[in-house]
């Protein structure tokens, strides 16, 4: 593997690792703690975080995808699976950001619960795709 290929692998791994860490932190520490402390007002805080959270994930996913694609073209490391999994994560995150969140904001309480469940599932699937990308980069 060339130095460039190794460097791109490091960039892809770093982007995926930071993305995975942000998903885990927000899902299991940030959001639950916010709801524990602020009760009914927590929704406002979490809703204010969501756009930035999704933009952050999208940016990291695009970086990981680009590094995997260019690295695969420049060298023999198997970046296709990493790129595909990063793209899956980007698709789920983009859908949550631009389709699901507007629906949640416009929904009443009953529909909000349904959209929130979809958001949790998408977040979990994104987490699995990103973790899979990290694993695939080391096969």
N, C-alpha and C. Protein backbone atom coordinates (compact mmCIF):
# COMPACT_ATOMS: atom_id res chain seq x y z
N UNK A 1 0.85 -1.18 0.00
CA UNK A 1 0.00 0.00 0.00
C UNK A 1 0.89 1.24 0.00
N UNK A 2 0.51 2.22 -0.78
CA UNK A 2 1.28 3.45 -0.84
C UNK A 2 0.99 4.31 0.38
N UNK A 3 1.82 5.31 0.56
CA UNK A 3 1.62 6.25 1.65
C UNK A 3 0.28 6.97 1.48
N UNK A 4 -0.07 7.33 0.26
CA UNK A 4 -1.35 8.00 0.02
C UNK A 4 -2.51 7.07 0.38
N UNK A 5 -2.42 5.82 -0.04
CA UNK A 5 -3.48 4.86 0.29
C UNK A 5 -3.64 4.68 1.79
N UNK A 6 -2.51 4.60 2.49
CA UNK A 6 -2.55 4.48 3.95
C UNK A 6 -3.16 5.73 4.57
N UNK A 7 -2.76 6.88 4.07
CA UNK A 7 -3.31 8.13 4.59
C UNK A 7 -4.81 8.24 4.39
N UNK A 8 -5.27 7.82 3.22
CA UNK A 8 -6.70 7.86 2.95
C UNK A 8 -7.46 6.87 3.83
N UNK A 9 -6.86 5.72 4.11
CA UNK A 9 -7.47 4.76 5.02
C UNK A 9 -7.60 5.37 6.42
N UNK A 10 -6.57 6.08 6.85
CA UNK A 10 -6.62 6.75 8.15
C UNK A 10 -7.72 7.81 8.18
N UNK A 11 -7.84 8.57 7.10
CA UNK A 11 -8.89 9.60 7.03
C UNK A 11 -10.27 8.95 7.08
N UNK A 12 -10.48 7.89 6.31
CA UNK A 12 -11.77 7.20 6.32
C UNK A 12 -12.06 6.64 7.70
N UNK A 13 -11.07 5.99 8.31
CA UNK A 13 -11.26 5.45 9.66
C UNK A 13 -11.57 6.55 10.68
N UNK A 14 -10.84 7.64 10.60
CA UNK A 14 -11.06 8.74 11.54
C UNK A 14 -12.47 9.32 11.39
N UNK A 15 -12.88 9.56 10.15
CA UNK A 15 -14.22 10.11 9.92
C UNK A 15 -15.29 9.15 10.43
N UNK A 16 -15.14 7.87 10.13
CA UNK A 16 -16.12 6.88 10.60
C UNK A 16 -16.09 6.75 12.12
N UNK A 17 -14.90 6.78 12.71
CA UNK A 17 -14.79 6.67 14.16
C UNK A 17 -15.41 7.85 14.88
N UNK A 18 -15.16 9.05 14.38
CA UNK A 18 -15.75 10.25 14.99
C UNK A 18 -17.26 10.21 14.83
N UNK A 19 -17.72 9.81 13.65
CA UNK A 19 -19.16 9.71 13.40
C UNK A 19 -19.81 8.71 14.35
N UNK A 20 -19.21 7.53 14.48
CA UNK A 20 -19.74 6.51 15.38
C UNK A 20 -19.75 7.03 16.82
N UNK A 21 -18.68 7.67 17.22
CA UNK A 21 -18.62 8.22 18.58
C UNK A 21 -19.70 9.26 18.83
N UNK A 22 -19.97 10.10 17.84
CA UNK A 22 -21.01 11.13 18.02
C UNK A 22 -22.40 10.49 18.12
N UNK A 23 -22.64 9.45 17.34
CA UNK A 23 -23.93 8.75 17.40
C UNK A 23 -24.10 8.10 18.77
N UNK A 24 -23.08 7.39 19.22
CA UNK A 24 -23.15 6.71 20.52
C UNK A 24 -23.32 7.73 21.64
N UNK A 25 -22.53 8.80 21.62
CA UNK A 25 -22.63 9.80 22.68
C UNK A 25 -24.01 10.44 22.72
N UNK A 26 -24.49 10.90 21.57
CA UNK A 26 -25.78 11.58 21.56
C UNK A 26 -26.90 10.63 21.96
N UNK A 27 -26.88 9.41 21.44
CA UNK A 27 -27.97 8.47 21.67
C UNK A 27 -28.03 7.94 23.10
N UNK A 28 -26.87 7.69 23.69
CA UNK A 28 -26.85 7.01 24.99
C UNK A 28 -26.47 7.90 26.16
N UNK A 29 -25.94 9.10 25.88
CA UNK A 29 -25.54 10.00 26.97
C UNK A 29 -26.20 11.37 26.84
N UNK A 30 -25.97 12.04 25.69
CA UNK A 30 -26.44 13.41 25.53
C UNK A 30 -27.95 13.57 25.62
N UNK A 31 -28.68 12.87 24.76
CA UNK A 31 -30.13 13.02 24.75
C UNK A 31 -30.78 12.51 26.04
N UNK A 32 -30.43 11.30 26.51
CA UNK A 32 -31.07 10.84 27.76
C UNK A 32 -30.79 11.76 28.95
N UNK A 33 -29.57 12.27 29.06
CA UNK A 33 -29.25 13.16 30.18
C UNK A 33 -30.03 14.47 30.06
N UNK A 34 -30.17 14.97 28.85
CA UNK A 34 -30.95 16.19 28.63
C UNK A 34 -32.38 15.99 29.09
N UNK A 35 -32.97 14.85 28.75
CA UNK A 35 -34.34 14.57 29.18
C UNK A 35 -34.43 14.35 30.68
N UNK A 36 -33.41 13.75 31.29
CA UNK A 36 -33.40 13.56 32.75
C UNK A 36 -33.37 14.89 33.48
N UNK A 37 -32.60 15.84 32.98
CA UNK A 37 -32.41 17.12 33.67
C UNK A 37 -33.54 18.10 33.36
N UNK A 38 -33.95 18.18 32.10
CA UNK A 38 -34.88 19.24 31.70
C UNK A 38 -36.33 18.79 31.56
N UNK A 39 -36.61 17.52 31.68
CA UNK A 39 -37.96 16.98 31.57
C UNK A 39 -38.65 17.48 30.30
N UNK A 40 -39.74 18.23 30.45
CA UNK A 40 -40.55 18.65 29.30
C UNK A 40 -39.82 19.62 28.38
N UNK A 41 -38.87 20.38 28.89
CA UNK A 41 -38.14 21.35 28.07
C UNK A 41 -37.03 20.70 27.24
N UNK A 42 -36.74 19.45 27.50
CA UNK A 42 -35.65 18.77 26.80
C UNK A 42 -35.91 18.66 25.30
N UNK A 43 -37.16 18.51 24.92
CA UNK A 43 -37.50 18.41 23.50
C UNK A 43 -37.00 19.60 22.71
N UNK A 44 -37.11 20.78 23.28
CA UNK A 44 -36.63 21.98 22.59
C UNK A 44 -35.12 21.92 22.37
N UNK A 45 -34.39 21.48 23.38
CA UNK A 45 -32.94 21.41 23.28
C UNK A 45 -32.54 20.37 22.24
N UNK A 46 -33.13 19.18 22.33
CA UNK A 46 -32.79 18.11 21.39
C UNK A 46 -33.18 18.51 19.96
N UNK A 47 -34.33 19.14 19.80
CA UNK A 47 -34.74 19.59 18.45
C UNK A 47 -33.80 20.64 17.90
N UNK A 48 -33.20 21.44 18.77
CA UNK A 48 -32.22 22.43 18.31
C UNK A 48 -30.90 21.76 17.92
N UNK A 49 -30.59 20.65 18.56
CA UNK A 49 -29.35 19.93 18.27
C UNK A 49 -29.45 19.12 16.98
N UNK A 50 -30.63 18.56 16.70
CA UNK A 50 -30.80 17.64 15.57
C UNK A 50 -30.21 18.14 14.25
N UNK A 51 -30.53 19.34 13.79
CA UNK A 51 -29.97 19.76 12.48
C UNK A 51 -28.44 19.74 12.46
N UNK A 52 -27.81 20.19 13.53
CA UNK A 52 -26.35 20.20 13.60
C UNK A 52 -25.80 18.78 13.71
N UNK A 53 -26.47 17.95 14.46
CA UNK A 53 -26.08 16.55 14.63
C UNK A 53 -26.09 15.83 13.29
N UNK A 54 -27.15 16.03 12.52
CA UNK A 54 -27.25 15.37 11.21
C UNK A 54 -26.27 15.97 10.21
N UNK A 55 -26.07 17.27 10.22
CA UNK A 55 -25.10 17.89 9.32
C UNK A 55 -23.69 17.38 9.62
N UNK A 56 -23.37 17.24 10.89
CA UNK A 56 -22.07 16.73 11.31
C UNK A 56 -21.87 15.31 10.77
N UNK A 57 -22.88 14.46 10.94
CA UNK A 57 -22.81 13.10 10.42
C UNK A 57 -22.69 13.06 8.91
N UNK A 58 -23.45 13.91 8.24
CA UNK A 58 -23.37 13.95 6.78
C UNK A 58 -21.98 14.35 6.31
N UNK A 59 -21.40 15.35 6.96
CA UNK A 59 -20.06 15.79 6.58
C UNK A 59 -19.04 14.69 6.78
N UNK A 60 -19.10 14.02 7.91
CA UNK A 60 -18.16 12.92 8.18
C UNK A 60 -18.38 11.77 7.21
N UNK A 61 -19.63 11.48 6.88
CA UNK A 61 -19.92 10.41 5.93
C UNK A 61 -19.39 10.71 4.55
N UNK A 62 -19.52 11.94 4.13
CA UNK A 62 -19.00 12.33 2.81
C UNK A 62 -17.47 12.24 2.79
N UNK A 63 -16.83 12.66 3.87
CA UNK A 63 -15.36 12.55 3.95
C UNK A 63 -14.94 11.08 3.90
N UNK A 64 -15.62 10.23 4.68
CA UNK A 64 -15.28 8.80 4.68
C UNK A 64 -15.51 8.19 3.31
N UNK A 65 -16.62 8.53 2.68
CA UNK A 65 -16.93 8.01 1.35
C UNK A 65 -15.85 8.44 0.35
N UNK A 66 -15.54 9.74 0.35
CA UNK A 66 -14.54 10.25 -0.59
C UNK A 66 -13.17 9.63 -0.38
N UNK A 67 -12.75 9.50 0.87
CA UNK A 67 -11.44 8.89 1.15
C UNK A 67 -11.41 7.44 0.71
N UNK A 68 -12.51 6.72 0.93
CA UNK A 68 -12.56 5.30 0.54
C UNK A 68 -12.56 5.15 -0.98
N UNK A 69 -13.31 6.01 -1.68
CA UNK A 69 -13.37 5.92 -3.15
C UNK A 69 -12.02 6.28 -3.76
N UNK A 70 -11.44 7.40 -3.34
CA UNK A 70 -10.16 7.83 -3.91
C UNK A 70 -9.06 6.84 -3.51
N UNK A 71 -9.07 6.38 -2.28
CA UNK A 71 -8.08 5.41 -1.84
C UNK A 71 -8.16 4.12 -2.62
N UNK A 72 -9.38 3.69 -2.93
CA UNK A 72 -9.56 2.47 -3.71
C UNK A 72 -9.05 2.66 -5.14
N UNK A 73 -9.24 3.86 -5.68
CA UNK A 73 -8.78 4.12 -7.04
C UNK A 73 -7.25 4.26 -7.09
N UNK A 74 -6.65 4.75 -6.00
CA UNK A 74 -5.21 5.01 -5.96
C UNK A 74 -4.41 3.78 -5.54
N UNK A 75 -5.04 2.87 -4.84
CA UNK A 75 -4.29 1.76 -4.26
C UNK A 75 -5.17 0.53 -4.22
N UNK A 76 -4.64 -0.54 -3.66
CA UNK A 76 -5.34 -1.81 -3.67
C UNK A 76 -6.19 -2.05 -2.43
N UNK A 77 -6.26 -1.09 -1.50
CA UNK A 77 -7.06 -1.38 -0.31
C UNK A 77 -8.53 -1.43 -0.69
N UNK A 78 -9.25 -2.28 0.00
CA UNK A 78 -10.64 -2.56 -0.37
C UNK A 78 -11.56 -1.49 0.18
N UNK A 79 -11.65 -0.40 -0.57
CA UNK A 79 -12.47 0.73 -0.13
C UNK A 79 -13.90 0.68 -0.61
N UNK A 80 -14.24 -0.26 -1.47
CA UNK A 80 -15.59 -0.29 -2.02
C UNK A 80 -16.63 -0.55 -0.94
N UNK A 81 -16.37 -1.52 -0.07
CA UNK A 81 -17.32 -1.84 1.00
C UNK A 81 -17.40 -0.68 1.98
N UNK A 82 -16.26 -0.09 2.32
CA UNK A 82 -16.23 1.05 3.23
C UNK A 82 -17.02 2.20 2.63
N UNK A 83 -16.79 2.48 1.35
CA UNK A 83 -17.50 3.57 0.68
C UNK A 83 -19.00 3.29 0.64
N UNK A 84 -19.38 2.05 0.35
CA UNK A 84 -20.80 1.70 0.28
C UNK A 84 -21.47 1.87 1.64
N UNK A 85 -20.81 1.42 2.71
CA UNK A 85 -21.41 1.55 4.04
C UNK A 85 -21.48 3.00 4.48
N UNK A 86 -20.46 3.78 4.13
CA UNK A 86 -20.52 5.22 4.43
C UNK A 86 -21.68 5.86 3.69
N UNK A 87 -21.88 5.46 2.44
CA UNK A 87 -22.98 6.00 1.65
C UNK A 87 -24.34 5.60 2.21
N UNK A 88 -24.45 4.39 2.72
CA UNK A 88 -25.69 3.95 3.38
C UNK A 88 -25.97 4.85 4.59
N UNK A 89 -24.93 5.09 5.40
CA UNK A 89 -25.08 5.97 6.55
C UNK A 89 -25.48 7.38 6.15
N UNK A 90 -24.88 7.88 5.08
CA UNK A 90 -25.23 9.21 4.57
C UNK A 90 -26.69 9.24 4.11
N UNK A 91 -27.13 8.20 3.44
CA UNK A 91 -28.53 8.15 2.97
C UNK A 91 -29.50 8.15 4.14
N UNK A 92 -29.24 7.32 5.15
CA UNK A 92 -30.12 7.28 6.32
C UNK A 92 -30.13 8.63 7.05
N UNK A 93 -28.95 9.21 7.20
CA UNK A 93 -28.84 10.49 7.90
C UNK A 93 -29.51 11.61 7.11
N UNK A 94 -29.30 11.62 5.80
CA UNK A 94 -29.95 12.63 4.95
C UNK A 94 -31.46 12.51 5.00
N UNK A 95 -31.96 11.28 4.96
CA UNK A 95 -33.41 11.08 5.05
C UNK A 95 -33.95 11.60 6.39
N UNK A 96 -33.24 11.27 7.47
CA UNK A 96 -33.68 11.74 8.79
C UNK A 96 -33.65 13.26 8.86
N UNK A 97 -32.60 13.86 8.31
CA UNK A 97 -32.44 15.32 8.40
C UNK A 97 -33.46 16.06 7.55
N UNK A 98 -33.63 15.65 6.30
CA UNK A 98 -34.44 16.45 5.38
C UNK A 98 -35.86 15.97 5.17
N UNK A 99 -36.17 14.76 5.59
CA UNK A 99 -37.53 14.25 5.43
C UNK A 99 -38.20 14.03 6.78
N UNK A 100 -37.55 13.29 7.64
CA UNK A 100 -38.17 12.90 8.90
C UNK A 100 -38.29 14.06 9.89
N UNK A 101 -37.24 14.83 10.06
CA UNK A 101 -37.28 15.94 11.02
C UNK A 101 -38.36 16.95 10.66
N UNK A 102 -38.50 17.37 9.40
CA UNK A 102 -39.61 18.29 9.07
C UNK A 102 -40.98 17.67 9.38
N UNK A 103 -41.13 16.37 9.15
CA UNK A 103 -42.40 15.71 9.48
C UNK A 103 -42.63 15.73 10.99
N UNK A 104 -41.56 15.50 11.76
CA UNK A 104 -41.69 15.52 13.22
C UNK A 104 -42.08 16.91 13.71
N UNK A 105 -41.49 17.93 13.11
CA UNK A 105 -41.78 19.30 13.53
C UNK A 105 -43.21 19.70 13.22
N UNK A 106 -43.76 19.17 12.13
CA UNK A 106 -45.11 19.54 11.72
C UNK A 106 -46.19 18.64 12.33
N UNK A 107 -45.78 17.55 12.93
CA UNK A 107 -46.73 16.54 13.41
C UNK A 107 -47.32 16.91 14.76
N UNK A 108 -48.49 16.35 14.99
CA UNK A 108 -49.08 16.43 16.32
C UNK A 108 -48.43 15.40 17.23
N UNK A 109 -48.86 15.37 18.47
CA UNK A 109 -48.24 14.47 19.45
C UNK A 109 -48.31 13.01 19.05
N UNK A 110 -49.44 12.56 18.49
CA UNK A 110 -49.57 11.15 18.11
C UNK A 110 -48.62 10.79 16.98
N UNK A 111 -48.59 11.61 15.94
CA UNK A 111 -47.73 11.33 14.80
C UNK A 111 -46.26 11.51 15.17
N UNK A 112 -45.97 12.43 16.09
CA UNK A 112 -44.60 12.67 16.50
C UNK A 112 -43.98 11.38 17.03
N UNK A 113 -44.72 10.64 17.84
CA UNK A 113 -44.21 9.39 18.42
C UNK A 113 -43.83 8.41 17.32
N UNK A 114 -44.65 8.34 16.28
CA UNK A 114 -44.36 7.43 15.16
C UNK A 114 -43.08 7.85 14.45
N UNK A 115 -42.95 9.14 14.16
CA UNK A 115 -41.76 9.63 13.47
C UNK A 115 -40.52 9.50 14.36
N UNK A 116 -40.70 9.68 15.65
CA UNK A 116 -39.57 9.53 16.56
C UNK A 116 -39.07 8.09 16.55
N UNK A 117 -39.97 7.13 16.53
CA UNK A 117 -39.57 5.72 16.44
C UNK A 117 -38.79 5.46 15.16
N UNK A 118 -39.26 6.04 14.05
CA UNK A 118 -38.53 5.89 12.79
C UNK A 118 -37.14 6.50 12.90
N UNK A 119 -37.05 7.63 13.56
CA UNK A 119 -35.77 8.30 13.74
C UNK A 119 -34.81 7.44 14.55
N UNK A 120 -35.32 6.80 15.60
CA UNK A 120 -34.49 5.93 16.43
C UNK A 120 -33.98 4.73 15.61
N UNK A 121 -34.87 4.15 14.80
CA UNK A 121 -34.47 3.01 13.95
C UNK A 121 -33.42 3.45 12.94
N UNK A 122 -33.63 4.58 12.27
CA UNK A 122 -32.64 5.09 11.31
C UNK A 122 -31.30 5.36 11.98
N UNK A 123 -31.34 5.92 13.18
CA UNK A 123 -30.10 6.20 13.91
C UNK A 123 -29.37 4.90 14.23
N UNK A 124 -30.11 3.88 14.63
CA UNK A 124 -29.50 2.57 14.90
C UNK A 124 -28.91 1.94 13.66
N UNK A 125 -29.64 2.03 12.54
CA UNK A 125 -29.12 1.48 11.28
C UNK A 125 -27.89 2.24 10.81
N UNK A 126 -27.90 3.55 11.01
CA UNK A 126 -26.72 4.35 10.66
C UNK A 126 -25.54 3.92 11.52
N UNK A 127 -25.78 3.72 12.80
CA UNK A 127 -24.72 3.29 13.69
C UNK A 127 -24.12 1.96 13.23
N UNK A 128 -24.99 1.03 12.83
CA UNK A 128 -24.51 -0.27 12.34
C UNK A 128 -23.71 -0.13 11.04
N UNK A 129 -24.19 0.72 10.13
CA UNK A 129 -23.48 0.92 8.86
C UNK A 129 -22.11 1.53 9.10
N UNK A 130 -22.05 2.51 9.97
CA UNK A 130 -20.76 3.17 10.26
C UNK A 130 -19.81 2.20 10.94
N UNK A 131 -20.30 1.46 11.93
CA UNK A 131 -19.46 0.46 12.60
C UNK A 131 -19.00 -0.60 11.60
N UNK A 132 -19.90 -1.00 10.70
CA UNK A 132 -19.52 -1.96 9.67
C UNK A 132 -18.44 -1.41 8.75
N UNK A 133 -18.51 -0.12 8.44
CA UNK A 133 -17.48 0.50 7.63
C UNK A 133 -16.11 0.47 8.30
N UNK A 134 -16.11 0.68 9.59
CA UNK A 134 -14.84 0.62 10.35
C UNK A 134 -14.28 -0.80 10.29
N UNK A 135 -15.14 -1.77 10.53
CA UNK A 135 -14.69 -3.17 10.48
C UNK A 135 -14.19 -3.53 9.08
N UNK A 136 -14.95 -3.12 8.06
CA UNK A 136 -14.58 -3.46 6.69
C UNK A 136 -13.26 -2.84 6.28
N UNK A 137 -12.93 -1.72 6.85
CA UNK A 137 -11.66 -1.06 6.47
C UNK A 137 -10.44 -1.82 7.00
N UNK A 138 -10.68 -2.80 7.86
CA UNK A 138 -9.57 -3.56 8.44
C UNK A 138 -9.58 -5.03 8.05
N UNK A 139 -10.38 -5.37 7.05
CA UNK A 139 -10.42 -6.77 6.60
C UNK A 139 -9.32 -7.04 5.61
